[in-house]
Amino acid sequence: MGPTEIVIATFARPGPTGRQASGPPLLKKASLGERAPEP
């Protein structure tokens, strides 16, 4: 599993703060090799 897949797995997880709602944009950035910003 590569770093990008780990990021996707982490951000795809539903969170209590509704982090999943902002998933798609973060997944797009991760697939482009960018680092997803931490809230």
PDB file of N, CA and C in Angstrom:
ATOM      1  N   MET A   1       0.841  -1.199   0.000  1.00  0.00           N
ATOM      2  CA  MET A   1       0.000   0.000   0.000  1.00  0.00           C
ATOM      3  C   MET A   1       0.877   1.249   0.000  1.00  0.00           C
ATOM      4  N   GLY A   2       0.662   2.110  -0.961  1.00  0.00           N
ATOM      5  CA  GLY A   2       1.480   3.315  -1.051  1.00  0.00           C
ATOM      6  C   GLY A   2       0.950   4.441  -0.169  1.00  0.00           C
ATOM      7  N   PRO A   3       1.737   5.499  -0.032  1.00  0.00           N
ATOM      8  CA  PRO A   3       1.347   6.642   0.806  1.00  0.00           C
ATOM      9  C   PRO A   3       0.008   7.245   0.394  1.00  0.00           C
ATOM     10  N   THR A   4      -0.230   7.327  -0.923  1.00  0.00           N
ATOM     11  CA  THR A   4      -1.490   7.902  -1.405  1.00  0.00           C
ATOM     12  C   THR A   4      -2.673   7.059  -0.960  1.00  0.00           C
ATOM     13  N   GLU A   5      -2.516   5.732  -1.032  1.00  0.00           N
ATOM     14  CA  GLU A   5      -3.604   4.848  -0.625  1.00  0.00           C
ATOM     15  C   GLU A   5      -3.891   4.982   0.866  1.00  0.00           C
ATOM     16  N   ILE A   6      -2.836   5.190   1.647  1.00  0.00           N
ATOM     17  CA  ILE A   6      -3.011   5.369   3.089  1.00  0.00           C
ATOM     18  C   ILE A   6      -3.799   6.648   3.355  1.00  0.00           C
ATOM     19  N   VAL A   7      -3.463   7.710   2.640  1.00  0.00           N
ATOM     20  CA  VAL A   7      -4.174   8.984   2.795  1.00  0.00           C
ATOM     21  C   VAL A   7      -5.642   8.806   2.437  1.00  0.00           C
ATOM     22  N   ILE A   8      -5.902   8.112   1.327  1.00  0.00           N
ATOM     23  CA  ILE A   8      -7.283   7.881   0.890  1.00  0.00           C
ATOM     24  C   ILE A   8      -8.036   7.075   1.947  1.00  0.00           C
ATOM     25  N   ALA A   9      -7.399   6.035   2.472  1.00  0.00           N
ATOM     26  CA  ALA A   9      -8.054   5.198   3.477  1.00  0.00           C
ATOM     27  C   ALA A   9      -8.372   6.006   4.729  1.00  0.00           C
ATOM     28  N   THR A  10      -7.463   6.903   5.091  1.00  0.00           N
ATOM     29  CA  THR A  10      -7.667   7.715   6.294  1.00  0.00           C
ATOM     30  C   THR A  10      -8.817   8.692   6.108  1.00  0.00           C
ATOM     31  N   PHE A  11      -8.857   9.368   4.960  1.00  0.00           N
ATOM     32  CA  PHE A  11      -9.870  10.396   4.746  1.00  0.00           C
ATOM     33  C   PHE A  11     -11.199   9.817   4.272  1.00  0.00           C
ATOM     34  N   ALA A  12     -11.214   8.557   3.845  1.00  0.00           N
ATOM     35  CA  ALA A  12     -12.463   7.937   3.418  1.00  0.00           C
ATOM     36  C   ALA A  12     -13.261   7.457   4.623  1.00  0.00           C
ATOM     37  N   ARG A  13     -12.598   7.394   5.764  1.00  0.00           N
ATOM     38  CA  ARG A  13     -13.259   6.957   6.991  1.00  0.00           C
ATOM     39  C   ARG A  13     -14.254   8.011   7.481  1.00  0.00           C
ATOM     40  N   PRO A  14     -15.489   7.617   7.765  1.00  0.00           N
ATOM     41  CA  PRO A  14     -16.460   8.577   8.297  1.00  0.00           C
ATOM     42  C   PRO A  14     -16.040   9.074   9.673  1.00  0.00           C
ATOM     43  N   GLY A  15     -16.014  10.368   9.857  1.00  0.00           N
ATOM     44  CA  GLY A  15     -15.594  10.925  11.144  1.00  0.00           C
ATOM     45  C   GLY A  15     -16.746  11.597  11.873  1.00  0.00           C
ATOM     46  N   PRO A  16     -16.599  11.781  13.163  1.00  0.00           N
ATOM     47  CA  PRO A  16     -17.638  12.421  13.972  1.00  0.00           C
ATOM     48  C   PRO A  16     -17.837  13.889  13.604  1.00  0.00           C
ATOM     49  N   THR A  17     -16.837  14.480  12.977  1.00  0.00           N
ATOM     50  CA  THR A  17     -16.926  15.894  12.608  1.00  0.00           C
ATOM     51  C   THR A  17     -17.413  16.055  11.172  1.00  0.00           C
ATOM     52  N   GLY A  18     -17.897  14.971  10.570  1.00  0.00           N
ATOM     53  CA  GLY A  18     -18.393  15.052   9.201  1.00  0.00           C
ATOM     54  C   GLY A  18     -17.278  15.216   8.195  1.00  0.00           C
ATOM     55  N   ARG A  19     -16.131  14.635   8.494  1.00  0.00           N
ATOM     56  CA  ARG A  19     -14.965  14.768   7.619  1.00  0.00           C
ATOM     57  C   ARG A  19     -15.224  14.077   6.277  1.00  0.00           C
ATOM     58  N   GLN A  20     -16.120  13.086   6.291  1.00  0.00           N
ATOM     59  CA  GLN A  20     -16.403  12.338   5.067  1.00  0.00           C
ATOM     60  C   GLN A  20     -17.049  13.246   4.004  1.00  0.00           C
ATOM     61  N   ALA A  21     -17.766  14.272   4.463  1.00  0.00           N
ATOM     62  CA  ALA A  21     -18.446  15.174   3.535  1.00  0.00           C
ATOM     63  C   ALA A  21     -17.432  15.892   2.642  1.00  0.00           C
ATOM     64  N   SER A  22     -16.246  16.161   3.189  1.00  0.00           N
ATOM     65  CA  SER A  22     -15.219  16.850   2.414  1.00  0.00           C
ATOM     66  C   SER A  22     -14.236  15.844   1.815  1.00  0.00           C
ATOM     67  N   GLY A  23     -14.682  14.614   1.682  1.00  0.00           N
ATOM     68  CA  GLY A  23     -13.820  13.548   1.181  1.00  0.00           C
ATOM     69  C   GLY A  23     -13.395  13.703  -0.274  1.00  0.00           C
ATOM     70  N   PRO A  24     -14.366  13.816  -1.208  1.00  0.00           N
ATOM     71  CA  PRO A  24     -14.019  13.849  -2.635  1.00  0.00           C
ATOM     72  C   PRO A  24     -12.906  14.831  -3.010  1.00  0.00           C
ATOM     73  N   PRO A  25     -12.969  16.105  -2.595  1.00  0.00           N
ATOM     74  CA  PRO A  25     -11.887  17.036  -2.947  1.00  0.00           C
ATOM     75  C   PRO A  25     -10.536  16.579  -2.409  1.00  0.00           C
ATOM     76  N   LEU A  26     -10.538  16.043  -1.179  1.00  0.00           N
ATOM     77  CA  LEU A  26      -9.288  15.585  -0.578  1.00  0.00           C
ATOM     78  C   LEU A  26      -8.758  14.378  -1.346  1.00  0.00           C
ATOM     79  N   LEU A  27      -9.680  13.496  -1.763  1.00  0.00           N
ATOM     80  CA  LEU A  27      -9.251  12.312  -2.503  1.00  0.00           C
ATOM     81  C   LEU A  27      -8.668  12.734  -3.851  1.00  0.00           C
ATOM     82  N   LYS A  28      -9.261  13.752  -4.459  1.00  0.00           N
ATOM     83  CA  LYS A  28      -8.745  14.238  -5.739  1.00  0.00           C
ATOM     84  C   LYS A  28      -7.327  14.772  -5.560  1.00  0.00           C
ATOM     85  N   LYS A  29      -7.112  15.553  -4.503  1.00  0.00           N
ATOM     86  CA  LYS A  29      -5.778  16.106  -4.249  1.00  0.00           C
ATOM     87  C   LYS A  29      -4.785  14.984  -3.978  1.00  0.00           C
ATOM     88  N   ALA A  30      -5.226  13.975  -3.222  1.00  0.00           N
ATOM     89  CA  ALA A  30      -4.336  12.870  -2.882  1.00  0.00           C
ATOM     90  C   ALA A  30      -3.944  12.107  -4.152  1.00  0.00           C
ATOM     91  N   SER A  31      -4.906  11.948  -5.076  1.00  0.00           N
ATOM     92  CA  SER A  31      -4.617  11.204  -6.298  1.00  0.00           C
ATOM     93  C   SER A  31      -3.653  11.982  -7.193  1.00  0.00           C
ATOM     94  N   LEU A  32      -3.596  13.292  -6.985  1.00  0.00           N
ATOM     95  CA  LEU A  32      -2.678  14.118  -7.772  1.00  0.00           C
ATOM     96  C   LEU A  32      -1.302  14.180  -7.126  1.00  0.00           C
ATOM     97  N   GLY A  33      -1.178  13.504  -5.989  1.00  0.00           N
ATOM     98  CA  GLY A  33       0.106  13.473  -5.317  1.00  0.00           C
ATOM     99  C   GLY A  33       0.293  14.628  -4.342  1.00  0.00           C
ATOM    100  N   GLU A  34      -0.793  15.384  -4.105  1.00  0.00           N
ATOM    101  CA  GLU A  34      -0.697  16.498  -3.158  1.00  0.00           C
ATOM    102  C   GLU A  34      -1.047  15.993  -1.762  1.00  0.00           C
ATOM    103  N   ARG A  35      -0.584  16.712  -0.761  1.00  0.00           N
ATOM    104  CA  ARG A  35      -0.890  16.322   0.614  1.00  0.00           C
ATOM    105  C   ARG A  35      -2.216  16.936   1.028  1.00  0.00           C
ATOM    106  N   ALA A  36      -3.091  16.117   1.594  1.00  0.00           N
ATOM    107  CA  ALA A  36      -4.374  16.620   2.067  1.00  0.00           C
ATOM    108  C   ALA A  36      -4.151  17.463   3.315  1.00  0.00           C
ATOM    109  N   PRO A  37      -4.696  18.673   3.352  1.00  0.00           N
ATOM    110  CA  PRO A  37      -4.507  19.567   4.505  1.00  0.00           C
ATOM    111  C   PRO A  37      -5.225  19.054   5.738  1.00  0.00           C
ATOM    112  N   GLU A  38      -4.544  19.096   6.875  1.00  0.00           N
ATOM    113  CA  GLU A  38      -5.175  18.667   8.132  1.00  0.00           C
ATOM    114  C   GLU A  38      -5.958  19.834   8.716  1.00  0.00           C
ATOM    115  N   PRO A  39      -7.170  19.593   9.183  1.00  0.00           N
ATOM    116  CA  PRO A  39      -8.005  20.651   9.758  1.00  0.00           C
ATOM    117  C   PRO A  39      -7.432  21.173  11.078  1.00  0.00           C
TER     118      PRO A  39
END
